[in-house]
Amino acid sequence: MPKVIPTGFIDCAMFIERTGDVEPYICTFGAKIAVPPFTQDNAIALSNLVGAELKKVLHTTERFTALHVRVGSDGAPLLREVPMSVSGISATERATQNVALVVNKISEVGGRRNRGRMFWPSVGESFVDMVGLLTIAQRDAHQAVFDLFLNGLRGQGGYSQNTDQMVILHTGLPVAPTVVSSLRVERLVGTQRRRLRR
């Protein structure tokens, strides 16, 4: 079932390319619009936030190539596309492409429907032990980056992206999006099949 994007909300897809991989990785998040409408200038500002904060958790051989923003409306969602060319800044050798950082989207509402995850396609090989655990120091460093990103979506940090909350959008019958109260980087990494492609 497709995601429901109510009026006043956006659904965002970050496209990430990795040298040597023919397909892009796609990571998604939802957000609440602070003051409608959500313009192309707002989408560009949002891409600046993504690039400035999240490049810190990408390798130098990985880069953001686009941000696609679907804006909720009474009819079909309006699509705003922003081309990007922002490379990562980490020089630590990457783990294989099927290993991902797991970032949980935490809410204050109970139930599986009100939780989410993001599988981030960039994990330093030397930071993961034999059982798949990140070092505590590296987990904390990643956590600090995702905290800054979440705060940026809340209107902090000087960006003019016109959002005030990250949200979890739902599928099926129209249900109000769930506000994300925090992002939590897990120490245990994820192993991927095709999750990173959607």
C-alpha atoms as a PDB file:
ATOM      1  CA  MET A   1       0.000   0.000   0.000  1.00  0.00           C
ATOM      2  CA  PRO A   2       1.243   3.516  -0.738  1.00  0.00           C
ATOM      3  CA  LYS A   3       2.123   5.945   2.026  1.00  0.00           C
ATOM      4  CA  VAL A   4      -0.550   8.464   2.905  1.00  0.00           C
ATOM      5  CA  ILE A   5       0.837  12.026   2.809  1.00  0.00           C
ATOM      6  CA  PRO A   6      -1.769  14.339   4.370  1.00  0.00           C
ATOM      7  CA  THR A   7      -1.943  18.031   3.540  1.00  0.00           C
ATOM      8  CA  GLY A   8       0.671  19.852   5.627  1.00  0.00           C
ATOM      9  CA  PHE A   9       3.239  17.027   5.468  1.00  0.00           C
ATOM     10  CA  ILE A  10       6.043  15.908   3.152  1.00  0.00           C
ATOM     11  CA  ASP A  11       7.669  12.590   2.280  1.00  0.00           C
ATOM     12  CA  CYS A  12      11.385  12.856   1.476  1.00  0.00           C
ATOM     13  CA  ALA A  13      13.735  10.451  -0.320  1.00  0.00           C
ATOM     14  CA  MET A  14      17.507  10.927  -0.170  1.00  0.00           C
ATOM     15  CA  PHE A  15      19.389   9.338  -3.087  1.00  0.00           C
ATOM     16  CA  ILE A  16      22.933   8.157  -2.334  1.00  0.00           C
ATOM     17  CA  GLU A  17      25.428   6.751  -4.843  1.00  0.00           C
ATOM     18  CA  ARG A  18      28.454   4.679  -3.954  1.00  0.00           C
ATOM     19  CA  THR A  19      31.442   4.251  -6.253  1.00  0.00           C
ATOM     20  CA  GLY A  20      31.344   0.769  -7.772  1.00  0.00           C
ATOM     21  CA  ASP A  21      27.623   0.216  -7.160  1.00  0.00           C
ATOM     22  CA  VAL A  22      25.276   0.584 -10.117  1.00  0.00           C
ATOM     23  CA  GLU A  23      22.102   1.328  -8.147  1.00  0.00           C
ATOM     24  CA  PRO A  24      21.479   4.198  -5.702  1.00  0.00           C
ATOM     25  CA  TYR A  25      20.621   3.757  -2.059  1.00  0.00           C
ATOM     26  CA  ILE A  26      17.440   5.494  -0.940  1.00  0.00           C
ATOM     27  CA  CYS A  27      16.715   6.589   2.637  1.00  0.00           C
ATOM     28  CA  THR A  28      13.387   8.209   3.498  1.00  0.00           C
ATOM     29  CA  PHE A  29      11.798  10.335   6.192  1.00  0.00           C
ATOM     30  CA  GLY A  30       8.612  12.340   6.650  1.00  0.00           C
ATOM     31  CA  ALA A  31       8.244  15.841   8.047  1.00  0.00           C
ATOM     32  CA  LYS A  32       5.559  18.303   9.079  1.00  0.00           C
ATOM     33  CA  ILE A  33       5.457  21.602   7.197  1.00  0.00           C
ATOM     34  CA  ALA A  34       5.802  24.544   9.587  1.00  0.00           C
ATOM     35  CA  VAL A  35       3.951  27.144   7.481  1.00  0.00           C
ATOM     36  CA  PRO A  36       2.358  25.979   4.191  1.00  0.00           C
ATOM     37  CA  PRO A  37       2.985  26.100   1.317  1.00  0.00           C
ATOM     38  CA  PHE A  38       6.198  24.091   0.926  1.00  0.00           C
ATOM     39  CA  THR A  39       8.074  25.736  -1.961  1.00  0.00           C
ATOM     40  CA  GLN A  40      10.950  24.742  -4.209  1.00  0.00           C
ATOM     41  CA  ASP A  41      13.157  27.108  -2.191  1.00  0.00           C
ATOM     42  CA  ASN A  42      12.183  25.174   0.943  1.00  0.00           C
ATOM     43  CA  ALA A  43      13.133  21.911  -0.791  1.00  0.00           C
ATOM     44  CA  ILE A  44      16.528  23.375  -1.709  1.00  0.00           C
ATOM     45  CA  ALA A  45      17.049  24.483   1.916  1.00  0.00           C
ATOM     46  CA  LEU A  46      16.102  20.987   3.071  1.00  0.00           C
ATOM     47  CA  SER A  47      18.686  19.496   0.697  1.00  0.00           C
ATOM     48  CA  ASN A  48      21.258  21.869   2.213  1.00  0.00           C
ATOM     49  CA  LEU A  49      20.394  20.549   5.695  1.00  0.00           C
ATOM     50  CA  VAL A  50      20.684  16.940   4.494  1.00  0.00           C
ATOM     51  CA  GLY A  51      24.009  17.596   2.781  1.00  0.00           C
ATOM     52  CA  ALA A  52      25.567  19.644   5.588  1.00  0.00           C
ATOM     53  CA  GLU A  53      24.716  17.279   8.449  1.00  0.00           C
ATOM     54  CA  LEU A  54      24.493  13.790   6.956  1.00  0.00           C
ATOM     55  CA  LYS A  55      27.628  13.982   4.793  1.00  0.00           C
ATOM     56  CA  LYS A  56      29.433  13.412   8.100  1.00  0.00           C
ATOM     57  CA  VAL A  57      28.172   9.807   8.084  1.00  0.00           C
ATOM     58  CA  LEU A  58      29.041   9.093   4.432  1.00  0.00           C
ATOM     59  CA  HIS A  59      32.356   7.907   3.016  1.00  0.00           C
ATOM     60  CA  THR A  60      34.321   9.977   0.522  1.00  0.00           C
ATOM     61  CA  THR A  61      33.320   7.446  -2.182  1.00  0.00           C
ATOM     62  CA  GLU A  62      29.619   8.068  -1.464  1.00  0.00           C
ATOM     63  CA  ARG A  63      27.569  11.122  -2.326  1.00  0.00           C
ATOM     64  CA  PHE A  64      24.082  12.519  -2.263  1.00  0.00           C
ATOM     65  CA  THR A  65      22.778  12.881  -5.824  1.00  0.00           C
ATOM     66  CA  ALA A  66      19.194  14.061  -5.253  1.00  0.00           C
ATOM     67  CA  LEU A  67      16.462  14.830  -2.776  1.00  0.00           C
ATOM     68  CA  HIS A  68      12.889  14.102  -3.859  1.00  0.00           C
ATOM     69  CA  VAL A  69      10.127  15.681  -1.784  1.00  0.00           C
ATOM     70  CA  ARG A  70       6.482  14.689  -2.222  1.00  0.00           C
ATOM     71  CA  VAL A  71       4.222  17.370  -0.770  1.00  0.00           C
ATOM     72  CA  GLY A  72       0.842  16.240   0.576  1.00  0.00           C
ATOM     73  CA  SER A  73      -2.242  17.842  -0.938  1.00  0.00           C
ATOM     74  CA  ASP A  74      -5.957  17.216  -1.443  1.00  0.00           C
ATOM     75  CA  GLY A  75      -5.132  15.582  -4.792  1.00  0.00           C
ATOM     76  CA  ALA A  76      -2.009  13.802  -5.982  1.00  0.00           C
ATOM     77  CA  PRO A  77       1.161  14.750  -4.062  1.00  0.00           C
ATOM     78  CA  LEU A  78       3.249  17.493  -5.617  1.00  0.00           C
ATOM     79  CA  LEU A  79       6.823  16.388  -6.356  1.00  0.00           C
ATOM     80  CA  ARG A  80       9.755  18.731  -5.774  1.00  0.00           C
ATOM     81  CA  GLU A  81      13.126  17.444  -6.985  1.00  0.00           C
ATOM     82  CA  VAL A  82      16.480  18.899  -5.990  1.00  0.00           C
ATOM     83  CA  PRO A  83      19.680  17.642  -7.668  1.00  0.00           C
ATOM     84  CA  MET A  84      22.578  17.288  -5.241  1.00  0.00           C
ATOM     85  CA  SER A  85      26.295  16.636  -5.479  1.00  0.00           C
ATOM     86  CA  VAL A  86      27.515  16.385  -1.899  1.00  0.00           C
ATOM     87  CA  SER A  87      30.220  13.841  -1.089  1.00  0.00           C
ATOM     88  CA  GLY A  88      30.819  12.233   2.267  1.00  0.00           C
ATOM     89  CA  ILE A  89      33.768  13.253   4.414  1.00  0.00           C
ATOM     90  CA  SER A  90      34.675  10.019   6.235  1.00  0.00           C
ATOM     91  CA  ALA A  91      37.852   8.314   5.011  1.00  0.00           C
ATOM     92  CA  THR A  92      37.431   5.139   7.097  1.00  0.00           C
ATOM     93  CA  GLU A  93      37.210   2.045   4.894  1.00  0.00           C
ATOM     94  CA  ARG A  94      33.601   1.004   4.370  1.00  0.00           C
ATOM     95  CA  ALA A  95      32.073  -2.337   5.268  1.00  0.00           C
ATOM     96  CA  THR A  96      30.484  -4.296   2.406  1.00  0.00           C
ATOM     97  CA  GLN A  97      27.380  -2.822   0.778  1.00  0.00           C
ATOM     98  CA  ASN A  98      24.989  -5.186   2.578  1.00  0.00           C
ATOM     99  CA  VAL A  99      25.940  -3.745   5.998  1.00  0.00           C
ATOM    100  CA  ALA A 100      23.982  -0.742   7.238  1.00  0.00           C
ATOM    101  CA  LEU A 101      23.688   1.485  10.256  1.00  0.00           C
ATOM    102  CA  VAL A 102      20.276   1.045  11.890  1.00  0.00           C
ATOM    103  CA  VAL A 103      18.666   4.317  12.995  1.00  0.00           C
ATOM    104  CA  ASN A 104      15.408   3.878  14.903  1.00  0.00           C
ATOM    105  CA  LYS A 105      12.701   6.521  14.708  1.00  0.00           C
ATOM    106  CA  ILE A 106      11.296   6.745  18.241  1.00  0.00           C
ATOM    107  CA  SER A 107       7.887   8.199  19.113  1.00  0.00           C
ATOM    108  CA  GLU A 108       5.968   8.728  22.333  1.00  0.00           C
ATOM    109  CA  VAL A 109       3.053   6.640  21.041  1.00  0.00           C
ATOM    110  CA  GLY A 110       2.886   2.883  21.630  1.00  0.00           C
ATOM    111  CA  GLY A 111       2.474   0.193  18.991  1.00  0.00           C
ATOM    112  CA  ARG A 112       4.474  -1.067  16.059  1.00  0.00           C
ATOM    113  CA  ARG A 113       2.717   1.341  13.698  1.00  0.00           C
ATOM    114  CA  ASN A 114       4.264   4.274  15.555  1.00  0.00           C
ATOM    115  CA  ARG A 115       7.885   3.152  15.195  1.00  0.00           C
ATOM    116  CA  GLY A 116      10.175   3.348  12.195  1.00  0.00           C
ATOM    117  CA  ARG A 117      13.718   2.628  11.063  1.00  0.00           C
ATOM    118  CA  MET A 118      16.219   4.035   8.620  1.00  0.00           C
ATOM    119  CA  PHE A 119      18.926   1.777   7.196  1.00  0.00           C
ATOM    120  CA  TRP A 120      21.912   4.054   6.595  1.00  0.00           C
ATOM    121  CA  PRO A 121      24.268   2.685   3.912  1.00  0.00           C
ATOM    122  CA  SER A 122      27.617   3.691   5.320  1.00  0.00           C
ATOM    123  CA  VAL A 123      29.418   1.864   8.104  1.00  0.00           C
ATOM    124  CA  GLY A 124      33.160   1.959   8.796  1.00  0.00           C
ATOM    125  CA  GLU A 125      34.637  -1.553   8.655  1.00  0.00           C
ATOM    126  CA  SER A 126      37.080  -0.919  11.491  1.00  0.00           C
ATOM    127  CA  PHE A 127      34.283   0.303  13.793  1.00  0.00           C
ATOM    128  CA  VAL A 128      32.381  -3.016  13.722  1.00  0.00           C
ATOM    129  CA  ASP A 129      33.473  -6.057  15.702  1.00  0.00           C
ATOM    130  CA  MET A 130      33.090  -9.756  14.826  1.00  0.00           C
ATOM    131  CA  VAL A 131      29.488  -9.943  16.092  1.00  0.00           C
ATOM    132  CA  GLY A 132      28.339  -6.797  14.289  1.00  0.00           C
ATOM    133  CA  LEU A 133      28.539  -4.261  17.112  1.00  0.00           C
ATOM    134  CA  LEU A 134      29.704  -0.694  16.562  1.00  0.00           C
ATOM    135  CA  THR A 135      32.227   0.660  19.017  1.00  0.00           C
ATOM    136  CA  ILE A 136      30.575   2.807  21.670  1.00  0.00           C
ATOM    137  CA  ALA A 137      32.608   5.847  20.609  1.00  0.00           C
ATOM    138  CA  GLN A 138      31.528   5.495  16.963  1.00  0.00           C
ATOM    139  CA  ARG A 139      27.918   4.884  17.896  1.00  0.00           C
ATOM    140  CA  ASP A 140      27.999   8.094  19.958  1.00  0.00           C
ATOM    141  CA  ALA A 141      29.618  10.026  17.090  1.00  0.00           C
ATOM    142  CA  HIS A 142      26.886   8.866  14.676  1.00  0.00           C
ATOM    143  CA  GLN A 143      24.234   9.643  17.277  1.00  0.00           C
ATOM    144  CA  ALA A 144      25.453  13.236  17.545  1.00  0.00           C
ATOM    145  CA  VAL A 145      25.089  13.673  13.755  1.00  0.00           C
ATOM    146  CA  PHE A 146      21.538  12.317  13.646  1.00  0.00           C
ATOM    147  CA  ASP A 147      20.606  14.464  16.681  1.00  0.00           C
ATOM    148  CA  LEU A 148      21.750  17.559  14.770  1.00  0.00           C
ATOM    149  CA  PHE A 149      19.780  16.453  11.700  1.00  0.00           C
ATOM    150  CA  LEU A 150      16.608  15.939  13.745  1.00  0.00           C
ATOM    151  CA  ASN A 151      17.060  19.325  15.418  1.00  0.00           C
ATOM    152  CA  GLY A 152      17.496  20.871  11.971  1.00  0.00           C
ATOM    153  CA  LEU A 153      14.138  19.431  10.905  1.00  0.00           C
ATOM    154  CA  ARG A 154      12.672  21.093  13.998  1.00  0.00           C
ATOM    155  CA  GLY A 155      13.743  24.481  12.685  1.00  0.00           C
ATOM    156  CA  GLN A 156      17.042  24.775  14.541  1.00  0.00           C
ATOM    157  CA  GLY A 157      20.397  25.414  12.903  1.00  0.00           C
ATOM    158  CA  GLY A 158      19.549  28.343  10.639  1.00  0.00           C
ATOM    159  CA  TYR A 159      18.089  26.462   7.651  1.00  0.00           C
ATOM    160  CA  SER A 160      14.924  27.766   5.974  1.00  0.00           C
ATOM    161  CA  GLN A 161      13.474  24.393   5.029  1.00  0.00           C
ATOM    162  CA  ASN A 162      10.038  25.201   6.567  1.00  0.00           C
ATOM    163  CA  THR A 163       9.617  22.051   8.693  1.00  0.00           C
ATOM    164  CA  ASP A 164       9.118  21.747  12.436  1.00  0.00           C
ATOM    165  CA  GLN A 165       9.015  17.978  13.110  1.00  0.00           C
ATOM    166  CA  MET A 166      10.140  14.663  11.660  1.00  0.00           C
ATOM    167  CA  VAL A 167       7.178  12.300  11.361  1.00  0.00           C
ATOM    168  CA  ILE A 168       6.363   8.693  10.506  1.00  0.00           C
ATOM    169  CA  LEU A 169       3.886   8.510   7.628  1.00  0.00           C
ATOM    170  CA  HIS A 170       1.507   5.557   7.483  1.00  0.00           C
ATOM    171  CA  THR A 171       0.068   3.314   4.781  1.00  0.00           C
ATOM    172  CA  GLY A 172      -3.519   2.249   4.208  1.00  0.00           C
ATOM    173  CA  LEU A 173      -6.418   4.178   5.668  1.00  0.00           C
ATOM    174  CA  PRO A 174      -5.706   7.840   6.438  1.00  0.00           C
ATOM    175  CA  VAL A 175      -4.092   8.061   9.874  1.00  0.00           C
ATOM    176  CA  ALA A 176      -2.432  11.123  11.366  1.00  0.00           C
ATOM    177  CA  PRO A 177       1.371  10.953  11.030  1.00  0.00           C
ATOM    178  CA  THR A 178       3.300  10.091  14.198  1.00  0.00           C
ATOM    179  CA  VAL A 179       5.786  12.666  15.506  1.00  0.00           C
ATOM    180  CA  VAL A 180       9.343  11.345  15.908  1.00  0.00           C
ATOM    181  CA  SER A 181      10.592  12.353  19.345  1.00  0.00           C
ATOM    182  CA  SER A 182      14.142  11.076  18.814  1.00  0.00           C
ATOM    183  CA  LEU A 183      16.425   9.145  16.501  1.00  0.00           C
ATOM    184  CA  ARG A 184      18.398   6.316  18.100  1.00  0.00           C
ATOM    185  CA  VAL A 185      21.471   4.826  16.429  1.00  0.00           C
ATOM    186  CA  GLU A 186      21.767   1.134  17.305  1.00  0.00           C
ATOM    187  CA  ARG A 187      25.109  -0.466  18.092  1.00  0.00           C
ATOM    188  CA  LEU A 188      24.127  -3.646  16.247  1.00  0.00           C
ATOM    189  CA  VAL A 189      24.415  -3.064  12.506  1.00  0.00           C
ATOM    190  CA  GLY A 190      21.872  -4.387  10.033  1.00  0.00           C
ATOM    191  CA  THR A 191      22.490  -6.741   7.138  1.00  0.00           C
ATOM    192  CA  GLN A 192      20.652  -5.826   3.966  1.00  0.00           C
ATOM    193  CA  ARG A 193      18.929  -7.484   1.094  1.00  0.00           C
ATOM    194  CA  ARG A 194      17.011  -4.807  -0.836  1.00  0.00           C
ATOM    195  CA  ARG A 195      15.936  -2.536   2.013  1.00  0.00           C
ATOM    196  CA  LEU A 196      18.314   0.225   1.025  1.00  0.00           C
ATOM    197  CA  ARG A 197      16.788   0.435  -2.443  1.00  0.00           C
ATOM    198  CA  ARG A 198      13.410   1.726  -1.228  1.00  0.00           C
END
